[in-house]
Amino acid sequence: MNKKQLRTVLRRARRALSPPRRRHAAEGLRRVALAHNLLLSCRRIGFYSPTHEEINLMPLLNHALWLGKACFLPIVPQRFQRRLGFSQLTSLPRWYLNRYGIHEHWTPRPVRAWQLDLLFVPLVGFDEACHRLGMGGGFYDASLAYLRRRKVWRKPLLVGVGYECQKADEIPSDPWDMHLDAVITERRIYWAKKKGQTCVTG
């Protein structure tokens, strides 16, 4: 199947999940992340505000805040631009809906992806090699394009997030597609390279 066909099939599988299954998966995701110490060495962590279809990251985000981590959410750029900024979560009521109907957290000084230690990335589908199928907007691909030029120092650690039902046998990959370091689901973590890779801080 091509990317368009895969998006249709995998989104249909995701939409078919019942509300109890979604709640159970969100808690399962948190448990898997903590069991693998995914947050342990990371100081600045990028999350995202999930749509109603996507797995809920809020239990994991709340735990990260409880641990004292600096947590960030993406800000969609103005039209005809592609690079995401990231806003640090504060207790101030700065929420608004962007043009896609997704909650964003306003900040006058967004940070860039390379300033984060760990970035959780939404996806429509993935395979065991951690190839990612996104929605097709290109925001994350453009924001992380600099990583294709980096050979040694690479930040942040990129972890795709999805339900186990979003796993495909193979995801077609184009040269401009971002390469994930891992994918986490409610059941396990898939590592693209060696198991147990951690954040690079500093």
N, C-alpha and C. Protein backbone atom coordinates (compact mmCIF):
# COMPACT_ATOMS: atom_id res chain seq x y z
N MET A 1 0.84 -1.20 0.00
CA MET A 1 0.00 0.00 0.00
C MET A 1 0.87 1.25 0.00
N ASN A 2 0.38 2.31 -0.63
CA ASN A 2 1.09 3.58 -0.57
C ASN A 2 0.71 4.32 0.71
N LYS A 3 1.31 5.50 0.92
CA LYS A 3 1.09 6.22 2.18
C LYS A 3 -0.37 6.62 2.36
N LYS A 4 -1.00 7.07 1.30
CA LYS A 4 -2.40 7.50 1.41
C LYS A 4 -3.30 6.34 1.82
N GLN A 5 -3.09 5.19 1.22
CA GLN A 5 -3.89 4.01 1.56
C GLN A 5 -3.63 3.55 3.00
N LEU A 6 -2.36 3.59 3.40
CA LEU A 6 -2.02 3.21 4.77
C LEU A 6 -2.66 4.15 5.79
N ARG A 7 -2.65 5.44 5.49
CA ARG A 7 -3.30 6.40 6.42
C ARG A 7 -4.77 6.05 6.61
N THR A 8 -5.45 5.73 5.53
CA THR A 8 -6.87 5.40 5.61
C THR A 8 -7.10 4.16 6.48
N VAL A 9 -6.31 3.12 6.24
CA VAL A 9 -6.47 1.86 6.97
C VAL A 9 -6.13 2.03 8.45
N LEU A 10 -5.01 2.70 8.74
CA LEU A 10 -4.55 2.81 10.12
C LEU A 10 -5.39 3.79 10.93
N ARG A 11 -5.88 4.84 10.30
CA ARG A 11 -6.77 5.76 11.02
C ARG A 11 -8.11 5.08 11.32
N ARG A 12 -8.56 4.23 10.42
CA ARG A 12 -9.80 3.50 10.67
C ARG A 12 -9.63 2.57 11.87
N ALA A 13 -8.49 1.91 11.96
CA ALA A 13 -8.23 1.02 13.11
C ALA A 13 -8.16 1.81 14.40
N ARG A 14 -7.57 2.99 14.35
CA ARG A 14 -7.46 3.82 15.55
C ARG A 14 -8.82 4.34 15.99
N ARG A 15 -9.63 4.76 15.03
CA ARG A 15 -10.97 5.28 15.37
C ARG A 15 -11.86 4.20 15.96
N ALA A 16 -11.60 2.94 15.64
CA ALA A 16 -12.45 1.84 16.10
C ALA A 16 -12.25 1.51 17.58
N LEU A 17 -11.22 2.05 18.20
CA LEU A 17 -10.96 1.75 19.61
C LEU A 17 -12.03 2.36 20.50
N SER A 18 -12.50 1.60 21.48
CA SER A 18 -13.54 2.07 22.40
C SER A 18 -12.95 3.03 23.43
N PRO A 19 -13.77 3.90 24.04
CA PRO A 19 -13.27 4.80 25.08
C PRO A 19 -12.57 4.08 26.23
N PRO A 20 -13.11 2.96 26.76
CA PRO A 20 -12.36 2.25 27.82
C PRO A 20 -11.00 1.76 27.35
N ARG A 21 -10.93 1.28 26.11
CA ARG A 21 -9.64 0.82 25.57
C ARG A 21 -8.66 1.99 25.46
N ARG A 22 -9.15 3.15 25.09
CA ARG A 22 -8.28 4.33 24.97
C ARG A 22 -7.74 4.75 26.33
N ARG A 23 -8.60 4.73 27.35
CA ARG A 23 -8.15 5.10 28.70
C ARG A 23 -7.12 4.10 29.22
N HIS A 24 -7.38 2.83 28.98
CA HIS A 24 -6.44 1.79 29.41
C HIS A 24 -5.10 1.95 28.69
N ALA A 25 -5.15 2.29 27.41
CA ALA A 25 -3.92 2.45 26.63
C ALA A 25 -3.10 3.64 27.12
N ALA A 26 -3.76 4.73 27.49
CA ALA A 26 -3.05 5.91 27.98
C ALA A 26 -2.28 5.59 29.26
N GLU A 27 -2.90 4.83 30.14
CA GLU A 27 -2.22 4.43 31.37
C GLU A 27 -1.13 3.41 31.07
N GLY A 28 -1.39 2.52 30.11
CA GLY A 28 -0.37 1.55 29.71
C GLY A 28 0.86 2.23 29.14
N LEU A 29 0.65 3.28 28.36
CA LEU A 29 1.75 4.05 27.79
C LEU A 29 2.62 4.65 28.89
N ARG A 30 1.96 5.21 29.90
CA ARG A 30 2.70 5.80 31.02
C ARG A 30 3.54 4.74 31.72
N ARG A 31 2.95 3.58 31.97
CA ARG A 31 3.68 2.51 32.66
C ARG A 31 4.88 2.02 31.85
N VAL A 32 4.71 1.88 30.55
CA VAL A 32 5.83 1.43 29.70
C VAL A 32 6.96 2.45 29.72
N ALA A 33 6.63 3.73 29.61
CA ALA A 33 7.66 4.78 29.63
C ALA A 33 8.43 4.77 30.93
N LEU A 34 7.73 4.61 32.05
CA LEU A 34 8.39 4.61 33.36
C LEU A 34 9.20 3.34 33.57
N ALA A 35 8.70 2.21 33.08
CA ALA A 35 9.43 0.95 33.23
C ALA A 35 10.76 0.98 32.49
N HIS A 36 10.82 1.74 31.42
CA HIS A 36 12.06 1.85 30.63
C HIS A 36 12.87 3.10 31.00
N ASN A 37 12.46 3.80 32.07
CA ASN A 37 13.18 5.00 32.52
C ASN A 37 13.37 6.01 31.39
N LEU A 38 12.35 6.15 30.57
CA LEU A 38 12.47 7.00 29.39
C LEU A 38 12.66 8.47 29.74
N LEU A 39 12.09 8.90 30.87
CA LEU A 39 12.17 10.31 31.26
C LEU A 39 13.36 10.62 32.15
N LEU A 40 14.03 9.60 32.63
CA LEU A 40 14.96 9.75 33.75
C LEU A 40 16.05 10.78 33.50
N SER A 41 16.77 10.68 32.40
CA SER A 41 17.92 11.56 32.17
C SER A 41 17.58 12.78 31.33
N CYS A 42 16.31 13.00 31.06
CA CYS A 42 15.88 14.13 30.22
C CYS A 42 15.40 15.29 31.08
N ARG A 43 15.87 16.48 30.78
CA ARG A 43 15.42 17.66 31.52
C ARG A 43 14.31 18.41 30.80
N ARG A 44 14.43 18.52 29.48
CA ARG A 44 13.47 19.29 28.67
C ARG A 44 12.80 18.34 27.69
N ILE A 45 11.49 18.17 27.87
CA ILE A 45 10.75 17.14 27.13
C ILE A 45 9.62 17.77 26.32
N GLY A 46 9.58 17.45 25.04
CA GLY A 46 8.51 17.92 24.17
C GLY A 46 7.39 16.89 24.07
N PHE A 47 6.18 17.31 24.42
CA PHE A 47 4.99 16.47 24.27
C PHE A 47 4.15 17.04 23.12
N TYR A 48 2.91 16.63 23.00
CA TYR A 48 1.98 17.25 22.07
C TYR A 48 0.58 17.10 22.63
N SER A 49 -0.31 17.98 22.22
CA SER A 49 -1.71 17.92 22.66
C SER A 49 -2.46 16.98 21.72
N PRO A 50 -2.88 15.81 22.20
CA PRO A 50 -3.45 14.80 21.29
C PRO A 50 -4.83 15.19 20.78
N THR A 51 -5.14 14.79 19.55
CA THR A 51 -6.49 14.91 19.03
C THR A 51 -7.33 13.80 19.64
N HIS A 52 -8.63 13.81 19.35
CA HIS A 52 -9.51 12.80 19.94
C HIS A 52 -9.18 11.39 19.43
N GLU A 53 -8.48 11.29 18.28
CA GLU A 53 -8.11 9.98 17.75
C GLU A 53 -6.83 9.44 18.37
N GLU A 54 -5.92 10.34 18.75
CA GLU A 54 -4.58 9.94 19.17
C GLU A 54 -4.56 9.45 20.61
N ILE A 55 -3.57 8.63 20.92
CA ILE A 55 -3.42 8.14 22.29
C ILE A 55 -3.14 9.31 23.22
N ASN A 56 -3.73 9.27 24.40
CA ASN A 56 -3.67 10.40 25.33
C ASN A 56 -2.34 10.40 26.08
N LEU A 57 -1.57 11.46 25.88
CA LEU A 57 -0.27 11.60 26.55
C LEU A 57 -0.37 12.26 27.92
N MET A 58 -1.56 12.71 28.31
CA MET A 58 -1.67 13.50 29.53
C MET A 58 -1.21 12.77 30.79
N PRO A 59 -1.52 11.48 30.99
CA PRO A 59 -0.99 10.81 32.19
C PRO A 59 0.53 10.84 32.26
N LEU A 60 1.19 10.66 31.12
CA LEU A 60 2.66 10.70 31.10
C LEU A 60 3.16 12.12 31.29
N LEU A 61 2.50 13.09 30.67
CA LEU A 61 2.91 14.49 30.83
C LEU A 61 2.77 14.93 32.28
N ASN A 62 1.66 14.58 32.91
CA ASN A 62 1.46 14.95 34.32
C ASN A 62 2.52 14.33 35.21
N HIS A 63 2.92 13.11 34.90
CA HIS A 63 3.97 12.46 35.69
C HIS A 63 5.30 13.18 35.48
N ALA A 64 5.58 13.59 34.25
CA ALA A 64 6.82 14.33 33.98
C ALA A 64 6.85 15.65 34.74
N LEU A 65 5.71 16.34 34.80
CA LEU A 65 5.64 17.59 35.58
C LEU A 65 5.87 17.30 37.06
N TRP A 66 5.30 16.21 37.55
CA TRP A 66 5.48 15.83 38.95
C TRP A 66 6.95 15.55 39.26
N LEU A 67 7.68 15.03 38.27
CA LEU A 67 9.11 14.77 38.43
C LEU A 67 9.95 16.04 38.34
N GLY A 68 9.31 17.15 38.01
CA GLY A 68 10.04 18.41 37.90
C GLY A 68 10.66 18.65 36.54
N LYS A 69 10.22 17.92 35.52
CA LYS A 69 10.74 18.12 34.18
C LYS A 69 10.16 19.38 33.56
N ALA A 70 10.93 20.02 32.70
CA ALA A 70 10.42 21.14 31.90
C ALA A 70 9.72 20.54 30.69
N CYS A 71 8.40 20.78 30.58
CA CYS A 71 7.59 20.15 29.54
C CYS A 71 7.13 21.19 28.53
N PHE A 72 7.17 20.83 27.26
CA PHE A 72 6.88 21.76 26.17
C PHE A 72 5.84 21.16 25.24
N LEU A 73 5.05 22.04 24.61
CA LEU A 73 4.08 21.64 23.59
C LEU A 73 4.37 22.39 22.30
N PRO A 74 4.11 21.77 21.14
CA PRO A 74 4.40 22.43 19.86
C PRO A 74 3.45 23.57 19.56
N ILE A 75 3.96 24.54 18.82
CA ILE A 75 3.18 25.66 18.31
C ILE A 75 3.23 25.60 16.79
N VAL A 76 2.07 25.48 16.16
CA VAL A 76 2.01 25.43 14.70
C VAL A 76 2.38 26.80 14.15
N PRO A 77 3.30 26.88 13.18
CA PRO A 77 3.71 28.18 12.65
C PRO A 77 2.64 28.82 11.80
N GLN A 78 2.89 30.05 11.39
CA GLN A 78 1.96 30.75 10.52
C GLN A 78 1.87 30.04 9.18
N ARG A 79 0.83 30.37 8.42
CA ARG A 79 0.61 29.72 7.13
C ARG A 79 1.84 29.87 6.24
N PHE A 80 2.09 28.83 5.45
CA PHE A 80 3.21 28.77 4.50
C PHE A 80 4.56 28.59 5.20
N GLN A 81 4.55 28.36 6.51
CA GLN A 81 5.76 28.02 7.23
C GLN A 81 5.61 26.61 7.79
N ARG A 82 6.73 25.96 8.10
CA ARG A 82 6.67 24.57 8.50
C ARG A 82 7.38 24.25 9.81
N ARG A 83 8.27 25.12 10.27
CA ARG A 83 9.05 24.78 11.46
C ARG A 83 8.26 25.06 12.74
N LEU A 84 8.12 24.04 13.57
CA LEU A 84 7.41 24.16 14.84
C LEU A 84 8.28 24.86 15.88
N GLY A 85 7.63 25.68 16.71
CA GLY A 85 8.24 26.15 17.94
C GLY A 85 7.64 25.34 19.09
N PHE A 86 8.23 25.47 20.28
CA PHE A 86 7.74 24.72 21.43
C PHE A 86 7.61 25.64 22.63
N SER A 87 6.46 25.59 23.28
CA SER A 87 6.13 26.46 24.40
C SER A 87 6.19 25.68 25.71
N GLN A 88 6.91 26.21 26.70
CA GLN A 88 6.99 25.53 27.99
C GLN A 88 5.69 25.70 28.75
N LEU A 89 5.20 24.61 29.31
CA LEU A 89 3.96 24.64 30.09
C LEU A 89 4.18 25.39 31.40
N THR A 90 3.24 26.26 31.72
CA THR A 90 3.25 26.97 32.99
C THR A 90 1.87 26.85 33.60
N SER A 91 1.70 27.39 34.79
CA SER A 91 0.40 27.35 35.46
C SER A 91 -0.53 28.45 34.96
N LEU A 92 -0.04 29.33 34.10
CA LEU A 92 -0.87 30.43 33.62
C LEU A 92 -1.84 29.93 32.55
N PRO A 93 -3.08 30.47 32.53
CA PRO A 93 -4.08 30.02 31.55
C PRO A 93 -3.83 30.61 30.17
N ARG A 94 -2.94 30.00 29.40
CA ARG A 94 -2.57 30.55 28.09
C ARG A 94 -2.98 29.63 26.95
N TRP A 95 -4.02 28.85 27.14
CA TRP A 95 -4.43 27.89 26.12
C TRP A 95 -5.31 28.55 25.07
N TYR A 96 -5.18 28.09 23.83
CA TYR A 96 -6.06 28.52 22.75
C TYR A 96 -6.09 27.42 21.70
N LEU A 97 -7.06 27.49 20.79
CA LEU A 97 -7.16 26.51 19.71
C LEU A 97 -6.48 27.05 18.46
N ASN A 98 -5.60 26.23 17.85
CA ASN A 98 -4.98 26.67 16.60
C ASN A 98 -5.91 26.39 15.43
N ARG A 99 -5.44 26.65 14.22
CA ARG A 99 -6.32 26.54 13.06
C ARG A 99 -6.72 25.10 12.73
N TYR A 100 -6.07 24.13 13.38
CA TYR A 100 -6.44 22.72 13.20
C TYR A 100 -7.35 22.22 14.33
N GLY A 101 -7.75 23.12 15.23
CA GLY A 101 -8.59 22.73 16.34
C GLY A 101 -7.86 22.02 17.45
N ILE A 102 -6.53 22.18 17.50
CA ILE A 102 -5.69 21.54 18.52
C ILE A 102 -5.28 22.58 19.55
N HIS A 103 -5.32 22.20 20.82
CA HIS A 103 -4.93 23.13 21.89
C HIS A 103 -3.44 23.44 21.83
N GLU A 104 -3.12 24.72 21.93
CA GLU A 104 -1.74 25.17 22.02
C GLU A 104 -1.58 26.02 23.26
N HIS A 105 -0.34 26.15 23.70
CA HIS A 105 0.00 26.92 24.89
C HIS A 105 0.87 28.08 24.46
N TRP A 106 0.37 29.29 24.60
CA TRP A 106 1.05 30.48 24.06
C TRP A 106 2.30 30.83 24.86
N THR A 107 3.32 31.31 24.15
CA THR A 107 4.52 31.84 24.78
C THR A 107 5.12 32.90 23.86
N PRO A 108 5.71 33.96 24.42
CA PRO A 108 6.36 34.96 23.56
C PRO A 108 7.71 34.49 23.04
N ARG A 109 8.30 33.46 23.68
CA ARG A 109 9.64 33.00 23.30
C ARG A 109 9.66 31.47 23.14
N PRO A 110 9.14 30.96 22.04
CA PRO A 110 9.19 29.51 21.84
C PRO A 110 10.62 29.03 21.63
N VAL A 111 10.88 27.78 22.01
CA VAL A 111 12.19 27.17 21.77
C VAL A 111 12.09 26.29 20.53
N ARG A 112 13.24 25.90 20.01
CA ARG A 112 13.29 25.03 18.84
C ARG A 112 13.54 23.59 19.27
N ALA A 113 13.31 22.67 18.35
CA ALA A 113 13.42 21.24 18.67
C ALA A 113 14.80 20.87 19.18
N TRP A 114 15.85 21.47 18.64
CA TRP A 114 17.21 21.08 19.04
C TRP A 114 17.52 21.45 20.48
N GLN A 115 16.68 22.29 21.11
CA GLN A 115 16.88 22.66 22.50
C GLN A 115 16.24 21.67 23.47
N LEU A 116 15.53 20.68 22.95
CA LEU A 116 14.88 19.67 23.79
C LEU A 116 15.79 18.44 23.91
N ASP A 117 15.61 17.70 24.99
CA ASP A 117 16.35 16.44 25.18
C ASP A 117 15.58 15.25 24.62
N LEU A 118 14.27 15.30 24.73
CA LEU A 118 13.39 14.21 24.30
C LEU A 118 12.16 14.82 23.66
N LEU A 119 11.73 14.27 22.54
CA LEU A 119 10.55 14.77 21.85
C LEU A 119 9.64 13.61 21.49
N PHE A 120 8.41 13.64 22.04
CA PHE A 120 7.39 12.67 21.67
C PHE A 120 6.69 13.17 20.41
N VAL A 121 6.57 12.29 19.41
CA VAL A 121 6.09 12.69 18.09
C VAL A 121 4.81 11.91 17.75
N PRO A 122 3.73 12.60 17.36
CA PRO A 122 2.51 11.89 16.97
C PRO A 122 2.71 11.17 15.64
N LEU A 123 1.93 10.16 15.41
CA LEU A 123 2.02 9.42 14.14
C LEU A 123 0.69 8.76 13.81
N VAL A 124 0.54 8.44 12.55
CA VAL A 124 -0.61 7.66 12.08
C VAL A 124 -0.26 6.19 12.04
N GLY A 125 1.00 5.90 11.69
CA GLY A 125 1.45 4.52 11.62
C GLY A 125 2.95 4.41 11.80
N PHE A 126 3.41 3.19 12.07
CA PHE A 126 4.84 2.93 12.23
C PHE A 126 5.10 1.47 11.91
N ASP A 127 6.36 1.13 11.70
CA ASP A 127 6.73 -0.27 11.56
C ASP A 127 7.82 -0.61 12.57
N GLU A 128 8.24 -1.86 12.58
CA GLU A 128 9.17 -2.32 13.62
C GLU A 128 10.54 -1.66 13.51
N ALA A 129 10.87 -1.13 12.33
CA ALA A 129 12.13 -0.40 12.15
C ALA A 129 12.00 1.06 12.56
N CYS A 130 10.83 1.44 13.09
CA CYS A 130 10.56 2.80 13.57
C CYS A 130 10.48 3.83 12.45
N HIS A 131 10.06 3.39 11.25
CA HIS A 131 9.68 4.34 10.22
C HIS A 131 8.32 4.92 10.60
N ARG A 132 8.15 6.20 10.36
CA ARG A 132 6.94 6.90 10.79
C ARG A 132 6.09 7.32 9.61
N LEU A 133 4.78 7.15 9.76
CA LEU A 133 3.80 7.70 8.83
C LEU A 133 3.03 8.78 9.57
N GLY A 134 3.19 10.03 9.12
CA GLY A 134 2.49 11.14 9.76
C GLY A 134 1.20 11.48 9.03
N MET A 135 0.64 12.63 9.39
CA MET A 135 -0.60 13.08 8.76
C MET A 135 -0.38 13.65 7.37
N GLY A 136 0.87 13.98 7.05
CA GLY A 136 1.17 14.50 5.72
C GLY A 136 1.40 15.99 5.68
N GLY A 137 1.32 16.66 6.84
CA GLY A 137 1.52 18.11 6.87
C GLY A 137 2.97 18.52 6.76
N GLY A 138 3.88 17.66 7.16
CA GLY A 138 5.30 17.94 7.03
C GLY A 138 5.91 18.80 8.12
N PHE A 139 5.16 19.12 9.18
CA PHE A 139 5.67 20.02 10.22
C PHE A 139 6.86 19.41 10.97
N TYR A 140 6.73 18.17 11.38
CA TYR A 140 7.83 17.54 12.12
C TYR A 140 9.02 17.25 11.21
N ASP A 141 8.76 16.84 9.98
CA ASP A 141 9.85 16.60 9.03
C ASP A 141 10.67 17.87 8.82
N ALA A 142 9.99 19.00 8.63
CA ALA A 142 10.69 20.27 8.41
C ALA A 142 11.41 20.73 9.67
N SER A 143 10.78 20.56 10.82
CA SER A 143 11.36 21.04 12.08
C SER A 143 12.60 20.25 12.47
N LEU A 144 12.69 19.00 12.01
CA LEU A 144 13.80 18.13 12.41
C LEU A 144 14.73 17.81 11.24
N ALA A 145 14.61 18.55 10.15
CA ALA A 145 15.44 18.29 8.97
C ALA A 145 16.93 18.44 9.28
N TYR A 146 17.27 19.30 10.26
CA TYR A 146 18.68 19.52 10.60
C TYR A 146 19.37 18.22 11.06
N LEU A 147 18.58 17.27 11.58
CA LEU A 147 19.18 16.03 12.08
C LEU A 147 19.81 15.19 10.97
N ARG A 148 19.34 15.38 9.73
CA ARG A 148 19.93 14.62 8.62
C ARG A 148 21.36 15.05 8.35
N ARG A 149 21.73 16.26 8.81
CA ARG A 149 23.09 16.75 8.60
C ARG A 149 24.00 16.45 9.79
N ARG A 150 23.42 15.95 10.88
CA ARG A 150 24.20 15.68 12.09
C ARG A 150 24.67 14.24 12.11
N LYS A 151 25.94 14.03 12.39
CA LYS A 151 26.50 12.68 12.45
C LYS A 151 26.78 12.22 13.88
N VAL A 152 27.10 13.17 14.77
CA VAL A 152 27.49 12.80 16.13
C VAL A 152 26.49 13.35 17.14
N TRP A 153 26.49 14.67 17.32
CA TRP A 153 25.62 15.30 18.32
C TRP A 153 24.21 15.39 17.76
N ARG A 154 23.29 14.65 18.38
CA ARG A 154 21.92 14.60 17.88
C ARG A 154 20.94 14.83 19.02
N LYS A 155 20.20 15.91 18.94
CA LYS A 155 19.14 16.19 19.90
C LYS A 155 17.93 16.68 19.12
N PRO A 156 16.75 16.34 19.60
CA PRO A 156 16.45 15.50 20.76
C PRO A 156 16.35 14.02 20.37
N LEU A 157 16.17 13.17 21.40
CA LEU A 157 15.80 11.78 21.17
C LEU A 157 14.36 11.78 20.65
N LEU A 158 14.10 11.15 19.52
CA LEU A 158 12.78 11.19 18.88
C LEU A 158 12.03 9.89 19.14
N VAL A 159 10.90 10.01 19.81
CA VAL A 159 10.10 8.84 20.16
C VAL A 159 8.69 9.01 19.61
N GLY A 160 8.33 8.19 18.63
CA GLY A 160 6.97 8.21 18.12
C GLY A 160 6.01 7.60 19.12
N VAL A 161 4.76 8.05 19.09
CA VAL A 161 3.76 7.60 20.06
C VAL A 161 2.51 7.13 19.32
N GLY A 162 2.07 5.93 19.63
CA GLY A 162 0.86 5.43 18.99
C GLY A 162 0.31 4.20 19.70
N TYR A 163 -0.86 3.78 19.25
CA TYR A 163 -1.43 2.52 19.72
C TYR A 163 -0.74 1.36 19.01
N GLU A 164 -0.77 0.21 19.64
CA GLU A 164 -0.20 -0.98 19.02
C GLU A 164 -0.89 -1.30 17.69
N CYS A 165 -2.18 -0.96 17.57
CA CYS A 165 -2.93 -1.25 16.35
C CYS A 165 -2.47 -0.38 15.17
N GLN A 166 -1.61 0.60 15.42
CA GLN A 166 -1.10 1.46 14.35
C GLN A 166 0.18 0.90 13.72
N LYS A 167 0.61 -0.25 14.17
CA LYS A 167 1.82 -0.87 13.63
C LYS A 167 1.51 -1.56 12.31
N ALA A 168 2.33 -1.27 11.29
CA ALA A 168 2.19 -1.87 9.97
C ALA A 168 3.39 -2.77 9.69
N ASP A 169 3.25 -3.64 8.71
CA ASP A 169 4.38 -4.50 8.33
C ASP A 169 5.54 -3.67 7.80
N GLU A 170 5.22 -2.66 7.00
CA GLU A 170 6.26 -1.79 6.43
C GLU A 170 5.67 -0.44 6.10
N ILE A 171 6.38 0.62 6.46
CA ILE A 171 5.98 1.99 6.14
C ILE A 171 6.89 2.50 5.02
N PRO A 172 6.33 2.94 3.89
CA PRO A 172 7.16 3.52 2.83
C PRO A 172 7.90 4.75 3.36
N SER A 173 9.16 4.90 2.99
CA SER A 173 9.97 6.00 3.50
C SER A 173 10.55 6.81 2.36
N ASP A 174 10.41 8.14 2.45
CA ASP A 174 11.00 9.06 1.48
C ASP A 174 12.26 9.69 2.07
N PRO A 175 13.15 10.24 1.23
CA PRO A 175 14.40 10.81 1.74
C PRO A 175 14.20 11.92 2.76
N TRP A 176 13.10 12.67 2.65
CA TRP A 176 12.87 13.79 3.56
C TRP A 176 12.16 13.37 4.86
N ASP A 177 11.76 12.13 4.97
CA ASP A 177 11.06 11.68 6.18
C ASP A 177 12.02 11.63 7.37
N MET A 178 11.52 12.03 8.53
CA MET A 178 12.32 11.99 9.74
C MET A 178 12.52 10.54 10.19
N HIS A 179 13.63 10.30 10.87
CA HIS A 179 13.94 8.97 11.37
C HIS A 179 13.77 8.94 12.89
N LEU A 180 12.87 8.12 13.37
CA LEU A 180 12.64 8.01 14.80
C LEU A 180 13.71 7.14 15.46
N ASP A 181 14.02 7.47 16.71
CA ASP A 181 14.91 6.63 17.50
C ASP A 181 14.15 5.46 18.12
N ALA A 182 12.86 5.68 18.37
CA ALA A 182 12.04 4.64 19.01
C ALA A 182 10.57 4.96 18.79
N VAL A 183 9.74 3.97 19.04
CA VAL A 183 8.28 4.15 19.07
C VAL A 183 7.78 3.50 20.35
N ILE A 184 6.91 4.22 21.06
CA ILE A 184 6.31 3.68 22.28
C ILE A 184 4.81 3.49 22.06
N THR A 185 4.30 2.34 22.51
CA THR A 185 2.87 2.06 22.49
C THR A 185 2.44 1.69 23.91
N GLU A 186 1.18 1.32 24.05
CA GLU A 186 0.67 0.92 25.36
C GLU A 186 1.25 -0.42 25.82
N ARG A 187 1.96 -1.13 24.93
CA ARG A 187 2.49 -2.45 25.26
C ARG A 187 4.00 -2.51 25.39
N ARG A 188 4.73 -1.72 24.57
CA ARG A 188 6.18 -1.87 24.55
C ARG A 188 6.85 -0.68 23.86
N ILE A 189 8.20 -0.71 23.87
CA ILE A 189 8.99 0.25 23.11
C ILE A 189 9.72 -0.50 22.00
N TYR A 190 9.66 0.05 20.80
CA TYR A 190 10.44 -0.45 19.67
C TYR A 190 11.63 0.49 19.47
N TRP A 191 12.83 -0.04 19.49
CA TRP A 191 14.04 0.77 19.29
C TRP A 191 14.55 0.59 17.87
N ALA A 192 14.87 1.70 17.22
CA ALA A 192 15.38 1.64 15.85
C ALA A 192 16.81 1.12 15.83
N LYS A 193 17.56 1.41 16.91
CA LYS A 193 18.96 0.99 16.97
C LYS A 193 19.13 0.09 18.17
N LYS A 194 20.04 0.44 19.06
CA LYS A 194 20.28 -0.42 20.20
C LYS A 194 19.25 -0.16 21.30
N LYS A 195 18.86 -1.19 21.99
CA LYS A 195 17.89 -1.08 23.08
C LYS A 195 18.50 -0.30 24.23
N GLY A 196 17.68 0.53 24.83
CA GLY A 196 18.14 1.26 26.01
C GLY A 196 18.78 2.59 25.72
N GLN A 197 18.66 3.10 24.50
CA GLN A 197 19.20 4.40 24.18
C GLN A 197 18.56 5.46 25.07
N THR A 198 19.32 6.46 25.49
CA THR A 198 18.79 7.47 26.39
C THR A 198 18.99 8.86 25.80
N CYS A 199 18.49 9.85 26.52
CA CYS A 199 18.59 11.23 26.07
C CYS A 199 20.03 11.72 26.07
N VAL A 200 20.30 12.67 25.20
CA VAL A 200 21.56 13.41 25.22
C VAL A 200 21.25 14.78 25.78
N THR A 201 21.82 15.11 26.91
CA THR A 201 21.53 16.40 27.55
C THR A 201 22.76 17.28 27.50
N GLY A 202 22.51 18.55 27.81
CA GLY A 202 23.62 19.48 27.85
C GLY A 202 23.65 20.38 26.64
